[in-house]
Amino acid sequence: MATAVIDSITTRYEVYGSGTPLLLFSPGGFDATLDKWTTLGVYARTRIFDHLSRKYMCVAFDRRESGRSGGRVECVTWAHYVRQGRGLLRHLGITRAHIMGGCMGCSSAIAFGVSHPEVTLSLLLWWPVGGAKYRINGHRRFAEHLDYVRQNGLEAVVALATGSDTSFGQDPRVGPWVSVLRHDPEFAASYARQDLDQYLQRVAATARTLFDRDTAPGAEPEDLFQLSVAALIVPGRDASHATSAARYLEECLPNAQYWDVPVEEQTERNAPERLLTFLNRVERLTAEKTEKT
């Protein structure tokens, strides 16, 4: 297991394949681990990671507060996730990369592109999260956790988290720091000792920040309007990945391509080919631009 310390937080990562770097913001909601690219739902079905890693240097990692990565109790924003991805590229000595997000990772990817356009070769956005149901469910999950903490205290959260294997999405009571509580006893001890009121405020602020709109979160539309990098958007269609969120990103990103294929028709036969065709075109245009300059 490879690790890097970024912003004083340990990040677990793996590098697969060779070629132009491709930084992958993992899917999986608040359990965004690198293995989700090969084990979770549509990603396992289409095997896009297997195909991409044959052509590109795929940098996958556990998002902070997920899997074997560490965490810190604070108001977590999209900027924190961007900082982790940018720090990992610096750690690996990578100056420019394609940026791909799956699910909630799409919001991190667009936030990355807005913050670091000079590093971003292109954006691949697979099933962006968003929609009214996504926002409402996100706030509900955080509210359930806050209610449990108010009634039982932080020590009860630690006991519940370390005594089960459920995720925050499966059981909101365990909270968004559940994976760190399980694998880091020192973190768990400090978590239980922290000021309760401050904790409640930070968690409430995190929910307001991450779930702040009824469409795809992560970046302001005015900033997306100015982002000229090429983008490919693959729409989902369920309560967490509203098609309207994908269409919103198509509207806001001036150099976006929208793959208008229904979810049930996104298969291993056509999905990897569509991604690779997009990337190949970006690579070719980038090379031509470099030659001219």
Protein backbone atom coordinates (compact mmCIF):
# COMPACT_ATOMS: atom_id res chain seq x y z
CA MET A 1 0.00 0.00 0.00
CA ALA A 2 1.52 3.31 -1.11
CA THR A 3 0.85 6.38 1.00
CA ALA A 4 1.61 10.08 0.92
CA VAL A 5 1.06 12.70 3.60
CA ILE A 6 -0.89 15.59 2.09
CA ASP A 7 -2.04 18.54 4.18
CA SER A 8 -0.99 16.52 7.25
CA ILE A 9 -3.39 13.70 6.27
CA THR A 10 -2.29 10.27 5.04
CA THR A 11 -3.52 9.37 1.56
CA ARG A 12 -3.54 5.80 0.33
CA TYR A 13 -2.96 5.61 -3.42
CA GLU A 14 -1.93 3.28 -6.23
CA VAL A 15 -0.51 3.95 -9.69
CA TYR A 16 -1.54 1.63 -12.53
CA GLY A 17 -0.19 1.53 -16.07
CA SER A 18 1.97 4.04 -17.92
CA GLY A 19 1.51 6.94 -20.29
CA THR A 20 -0.13 10.32 -19.83
CA PRO A 21 -1.27 10.70 -16.19
CA LEU A 22 -4.96 10.34 -15.36
CA LEU A 23 -5.97 11.37 -11.81
CA LEU A 24 -9.06 9.52 -10.62
CA PHE A 25 -11.42 10.98 -8.00
CA SER A 26 -13.11 7.80 -6.79
CA PRO A 27 -16.85 7.08 -6.82
CA GLY A 28 -18.73 5.71 -3.84
CA GLY A 29 -20.13 8.74 -2.03
CA PHE A 30 -18.57 8.99 1.44
CA ASP A 31 -16.88 5.63 0.95
CA ALA A 32 -14.79 6.73 -2.04
CA THR A 33 -12.03 4.13 -2.14
CA LEU A 34 -9.79 3.37 -5.09
CA ASP A 35 -11.14 -0.18 -5.45
CA LYS A 36 -14.60 1.18 -6.34
CA TRP A 37 -13.36 1.74 -9.89
CA THR A 38 -13.38 -2.05 -10.38
CA THR A 39 -15.98 -3.31 -7.87
CA LEU A 40 -18.87 -0.82 -7.82
CA GLY A 41 -21.93 -1.11 -10.04
CA VAL A 42 -21.55 0.48 -13.46
CA TYR A 43 -17.76 0.75 -13.11
CA ALA A 44 -17.44 -3.00 -12.64
CA ARG A 45 -19.95 -3.66 -15.41
CA THR A 46 -18.25 -1.48 -18.04
CA ARG A 47 -14.68 -2.19 -16.86
CA ILE A 48 -13.62 1.31 -17.84
CA PHE A 49 -10.71 1.30 -15.38
CA ASP A 50 -9.20 -1.85 -16.88
CA HIS A 51 -9.25 -0.29 -20.35
CA LEU A 52 -7.97 3.11 -19.25
CA SER A 53 -5.06 1.67 -17.28
CA ARG A 54 -3.79 -0.09 -20.41
CA LYS A 55 -3.26 3.26 -22.14
CA TYR A 56 -2.72 5.77 -19.32
CA MET A 57 -0.96 6.16 -16.00
CA CYS A 58 -3.99 5.90 -13.73
CA VAL A 59 -3.51 7.45 -10.28
CA ALA A 60 -6.27 6.19 -7.98
CA PHE A 61 -6.60 6.95 -4.29
CA ASP A 62 -8.84 6.69 -1.24
CA ARG A 63 -10.40 10.08 -0.71
CA ARG A 64 -9.73 11.57 2.72
CA GLU A 65 -12.07 10.06 5.32
CA SER A 66 -12.42 6.96 3.10
CA GLY A 67 -10.81 3.54 3.11
CA ARG A 68 -7.24 3.61 4.44
CA SER A 69 -6.76 7.36 4.05
CA GLY A 70 -6.80 9.54 7.11
CA GLY A 71 -8.96 12.49 7.99
CA ARG A 72 -9.43 15.52 10.18
CA VAL A 73 -12.56 16.82 11.88
CA GLU A 74 -13.29 20.16 10.23
CA CYS A 75 -15.82 21.73 7.90
CA VAL A 76 -14.94 19.69 4.80
CA THR A 77 -15.40 21.48 1.48
CA TRP A 78 -14.75 20.64 -2.15
CA ALA A 79 -11.54 22.66 -1.83
CA HIS A 80 -10.25 20.09 0.68
CA TYR A 81 -10.77 17.29 -1.83
CA VAL A 82 -9.03 19.35 -4.52
CA ARG A 83 -6.10 19.93 -2.18
CA GLN A 84 -5.71 16.19 -1.70
CA GLY A 85 -5.67 15.47 -5.44
CA ARG A 86 -3.29 18.33 -6.22
CA GLY A 87 -0.98 17.30 -3.41
CA LEU A 88 -0.87 13.73 -4.71
CA LEU A 89 0.15 14.93 -8.17
CA ARG A 90 2.93 17.01 -6.61
CA HIS A 91 4.05 14.02 -4.56
CA LEU A 92 4.35 11.99 -7.77
CA GLY A 93 6.06 14.79 -9.70
CA ILE A 94 3.19 15.11 -12.19
CA THR A 95 2.73 18.58 -13.67
CA ARG A 96 -0.31 17.96 -15.89
CA ALA A 97 -2.95 15.25 -15.97
CA HIS A 98 -6.36 14.31 -17.25
CA ILE A 99 -8.82 14.51 -14.34
CA MET A 100 -11.61 11.96 -14.00
CA GLY A 101 -14.37 11.78 -11.44
CA GLY A 102 -17.00 9.15 -10.79
CA CYS A 103 -20.20 9.87 -8.85
CA MET A 104 -19.37 12.35 -6.07
CA GLY A 105 -15.84 12.43 -7.48
CA CYS A 106 -17.19 14.45 -10.42
CA SER A 107 -17.76 17.40 -8.10
CA SER A 108 -14.17 17.15 -6.88
CA ALA A 109 -13.00 16.95 -10.51
CA ILE A 110 -14.79 20.12 -11.64
CA ALA A 111 -13.59 21.92 -8.51
CA PHE A 112 -10.07 20.79 -9.39
CA GLY A 113 -10.41 22.07 -12.94
CA VAL A 114 -11.60 25.47 -11.75
CA SER A 115 -8.80 25.75 -9.18
CA HIS A 116 -6.00 24.34 -11.37
CA PRO A 117 -6.83 24.77 -15.08
CA GLU A 118 -3.12 24.87 -15.90
CA VAL A 119 -2.75 21.32 -14.55
CA THR A 120 -5.95 19.95 -16.09
CA LEU A 121 -5.57 18.38 -19.54
CA SER A 122 -9.24 17.39 -19.68
CA LEU A 123 -12.19 16.42 -17.50
CA LEU A 124 -13.97 13.07 -17.65
CA LEU A 125 -17.17 13.18 -15.61
CA TRP A 126 -18.88 9.83 -15.19
CA TRP A 127 -22.32 9.97 -13.60
CA PRO A 128 -22.13 13.36 -11.83
CA VAL A 129 -24.05 13.47 -8.57
CA GLY A 130 -26.81 16.00 -8.22
CA GLY A 131 -30.52 16.70 -8.30
CA ALA A 132 -33.09 17.62 -5.68
CA LYS A 133 -33.30 14.08 -4.28
CA TYR A 134 -29.51 13.96 -3.89
CA ARG A 135 -29.43 17.23 -1.96
CA ILE A 136 -32.37 16.25 0.27
CA ASN A 137 -30.96 12.80 1.02
CA GLY A 138 -27.54 14.27 1.77
CA HIS A 139 -28.95 16.72 4.30
CA ARG A 140 -31.12 13.99 5.81
CA ARG A 141 -28.11 11.72 6.33
CA PHE A 142 -26.13 14.44 8.11
CA ALA A 143 -29.18 15.38 10.20
CA GLU A 144 -29.58 11.77 11.38
CA HIS A 145 -25.94 11.70 12.43
CA LEU A 146 -26.26 15.00 14.30
CA ASP A 147 -29.39 13.79 16.10
CA TYR A 148 -27.58 10.63 17.20
CA VAL A 149 -24.62 12.63 18.50
CA ARG A 150 -26.86 15.02 20.45
CA GLN A 151 -28.69 12.13 22.09
CA ASN A 152 -25.76 9.78 22.73
CA GLY A 153 -22.47 11.70 22.55
CA LEU A 154 -19.27 11.17 20.58
CA GLU A 155 -18.08 8.14 22.53
CA ALA A 156 -21.20 6.33 21.37
CA VAL A 157 -20.33 7.16 17.75
CA VAL A 158 -16.88 5.63 18.24
CA ALA A 159 -18.35 2.50 19.80
CA LEU A 160 -20.91 2.14 17.03
CA ALA A 161 -18.36 2.73 14.29
CA THR A 162 -15.72 0.33 15.63
CA GLY A 163 -18.33 -2.31 16.43
CA SER A 164 -19.77 -2.55 12.91
CA ASP A 165 -18.72 -2.48 9.27
CA THR A 166 -21.43 -0.17 7.92
CA SER A 167 -20.63 2.99 5.99
CA PHE A 168 -22.00 6.49 6.53
CA GLY A 169 -24.30 5.92 3.57
CA GLN A 170 -25.66 2.69 5.03
CA ASP A 171 -25.99 3.94 8.63
CA PRO A 172 -25.82 7.73 9.06
CA ARG A 173 -25.31 7.38 12.82
CA VAL A 174 -21.65 6.40 12.34
CA GLY A 175 -20.85 9.73 10.66
CA PRO A 176 -18.54 10.80 7.82
CA TRP A 177 -15.32 9.98 9.76
CA VAL A 178 -16.29 6.34 10.31
CA SER A 179 -13.46 4.74 8.31
CA VAL A 180 -10.80 6.75 10.16
CA LEU A 181 -12.36 5.83 13.50
CA ARG A 182 -12.00 2.15 12.56
CA HIS A 183 -8.37 2.07 11.50
CA ASP A 184 -6.80 4.85 13.59
CA PRO A 185 -7.16 4.40 17.40
CA GLU A 186 -5.38 7.70 18.09
CA PHE A 187 -7.85 9.56 15.89
CA ALA A 188 -10.75 7.75 17.58
CA ALA A 189 -9.53 8.80 21.02
CA SER A 190 -9.19 12.46 20.04
CA TYR A 191 -12.55 12.33 18.24
CA ALA A 192 -14.32 11.24 21.42
CA ARG A 193 -12.64 14.01 23.49
CA GLN A 194 -13.43 16.98 21.23
CA ASP A 195 -15.83 19.76 22.11
CA LEU A 196 -19.35 18.61 21.28
CA ASP A 197 -20.75 21.99 20.23
CA GLN A 198 -17.84 22.66 17.91
CA TYR A 199 -18.26 19.23 16.35
CA LEU A 200 -21.95 19.80 15.72
CA GLN A 201 -21.20 23.14 14.07
CA ARG A 202 -18.51 21.66 11.81
CA VAL A 203 -20.69 18.78 10.68
CA ALA A 204 -23.65 21.07 9.98
CA ALA A 205 -21.37 23.41 8.00
CA THR A 206 -20.02 20.46 5.97
CA ALA A 207 -23.55 19.46 4.96
CA ARG A 208 -24.42 23.02 3.95
CA THR A 209 -21.22 23.32 1.91
CA LEU A 210 -21.30 20.00 0.06
CA PHE A 211 -25.05 19.91 -0.61
CA ASP A 212 -25.73 23.51 -1.51
CA ARG A 213 -27.80 23.23 -4.70
CA ASP A 214 -30.30 21.09 -6.59
CA THR A 215 -27.88 20.40 -9.41
CA ALA A 216 -24.26 19.23 -9.64
CA PRO A 217 -22.27 20.74 -6.73
CA GLY A 218 -18.55 21.46 -6.63
CA ALA A 219 -18.04 24.75 -8.45
CA GLU A 220 -19.93 27.93 -9.22
CA PRO A 221 -21.47 28.17 -12.71
CA GLU A 222 -19.69 31.49 -13.37
CA ASP A 223 -16.36 29.70 -12.82
CA LEU A 224 -17.36 26.78 -15.02
CA PHE A 225 -18.27 29.21 -17.82
CA GLN A 226 -14.62 30.31 -17.87
CA LEU A 227 -13.14 26.80 -17.86
CA SER A 228 -11.99 26.10 -21.40
CA VAL A 229 -10.59 22.58 -20.95
CA ALA A 230 -12.27 19.79 -22.89
CA ALA A 231 -14.79 17.75 -20.91
CA LEU A 232 -16.69 14.52 -21.50
CA ILE A 233 -19.88 14.00 -19.51
CA VAL A 234 -21.49 10.58 -19.08
CA PRO A 235 -24.97 10.87 -17.51
CA GLY A 236 -26.49 8.71 -14.83
CA ARG A 237 -30.16 8.38 -14.01
CA ASP A 238 -31.17 7.67 -10.42
CA ALA A 239 -31.81 9.42 -7.11
CA SER A 240 -28.14 10.30 -6.61
CA HIS A 241 -27.08 10.90 -10.22
CA ALA A 242 -29.85 12.94 -11.79
CA THR A 243 -29.61 13.32 -15.55
CA SER A 244 -30.39 17.01 -14.98
CA ALA A 245 -27.07 17.37 -13.13
CA ALA A 246 -25.17 16.03 -16.13
CA ARG A 247 -27.09 18.34 -18.47
CA TYR A 248 -26.30 21.27 -16.18
CA LEU A 249 -22.58 20.58 -16.53
CA GLU A 250 -22.98 20.35 -20.29
CA GLU A 251 -24.60 23.79 -20.19
CA CYS A 252 -21.91 25.35 -17.98
CA LEU A 253 -18.74 23.86 -19.49
CA PRO A 254 -18.06 25.62 -22.82
CA ASN A 255 -15.95 22.80 -24.29
CA ALA A 256 -18.05 19.86 -23.15
CA GLN A 257 -19.15 16.75 -25.01
CA TYR A 258 -22.24 14.97 -23.71
CA TRP A 259 -22.47 11.24 -24.31
CA ASP A 260 -26.21 10.95 -24.85
CA VAL A 261 -26.56 7.24 -24.18
CA PRO A 262 -29.07 5.76 -21.70
CA VAL A 263 -27.62 4.08 -18.62
CA GLU A 264 -28.71 0.61 -19.69
CA GLU A 265 -26.86 1.05 -22.99
CA GLN A 266 -23.57 2.06 -21.38
CA THR A 267 -21.62 -1.19 -21.69
CA GLU A 268 -18.09 -2.50 -21.88
CA ARG A 269 -18.55 -2.67 -25.63
CA ASN A 270 -19.01 1.09 -26.08
CA ALA A 271 -18.07 2.96 -22.87
CA PRO A 272 -14.27 2.40 -22.78
CA GLU A 273 -14.07 3.16 -26.50
CA ARG A 274 -15.93 6.45 -26.01
CA LEU A 275 -13.59 7.52 -23.20
CA LEU A 276 -10.47 6.54 -25.10
CA THR A 277 -11.64 8.30 -28.27
CA PHE A 278 -12.17 11.48 -26.27
CA LEU A 279 -8.76 11.24 -24.60
CA ASN A 280 -6.98 10.47 -27.85
CA ARG A 281 -8.49 13.56 -29.45
CA VAL A 282 -7.44 15.74 -26.52
CA GLU A 283 -3.91 14.31 -26.70
CA ARG A 284 -3.72 15.00 -30.42
CA LEU A 285 -4.94 18.58 -30.10
CA THR A 286 -2.58 19.19 -27.19
CA ALA A 287 0.37 17.91 -29.22
CA GLU A 288 -0.59 20.10 -32.18
CA LYS A 289 -0.86 23.14 -29.96
CA THR A 290 2.55 22.39 -28.43
CA GLU A 291 4.13 22.11 -31.88
CA LYS A 292 2.74 25.48 -32.94
CA THR A 293 4.15 27.21 -29.87
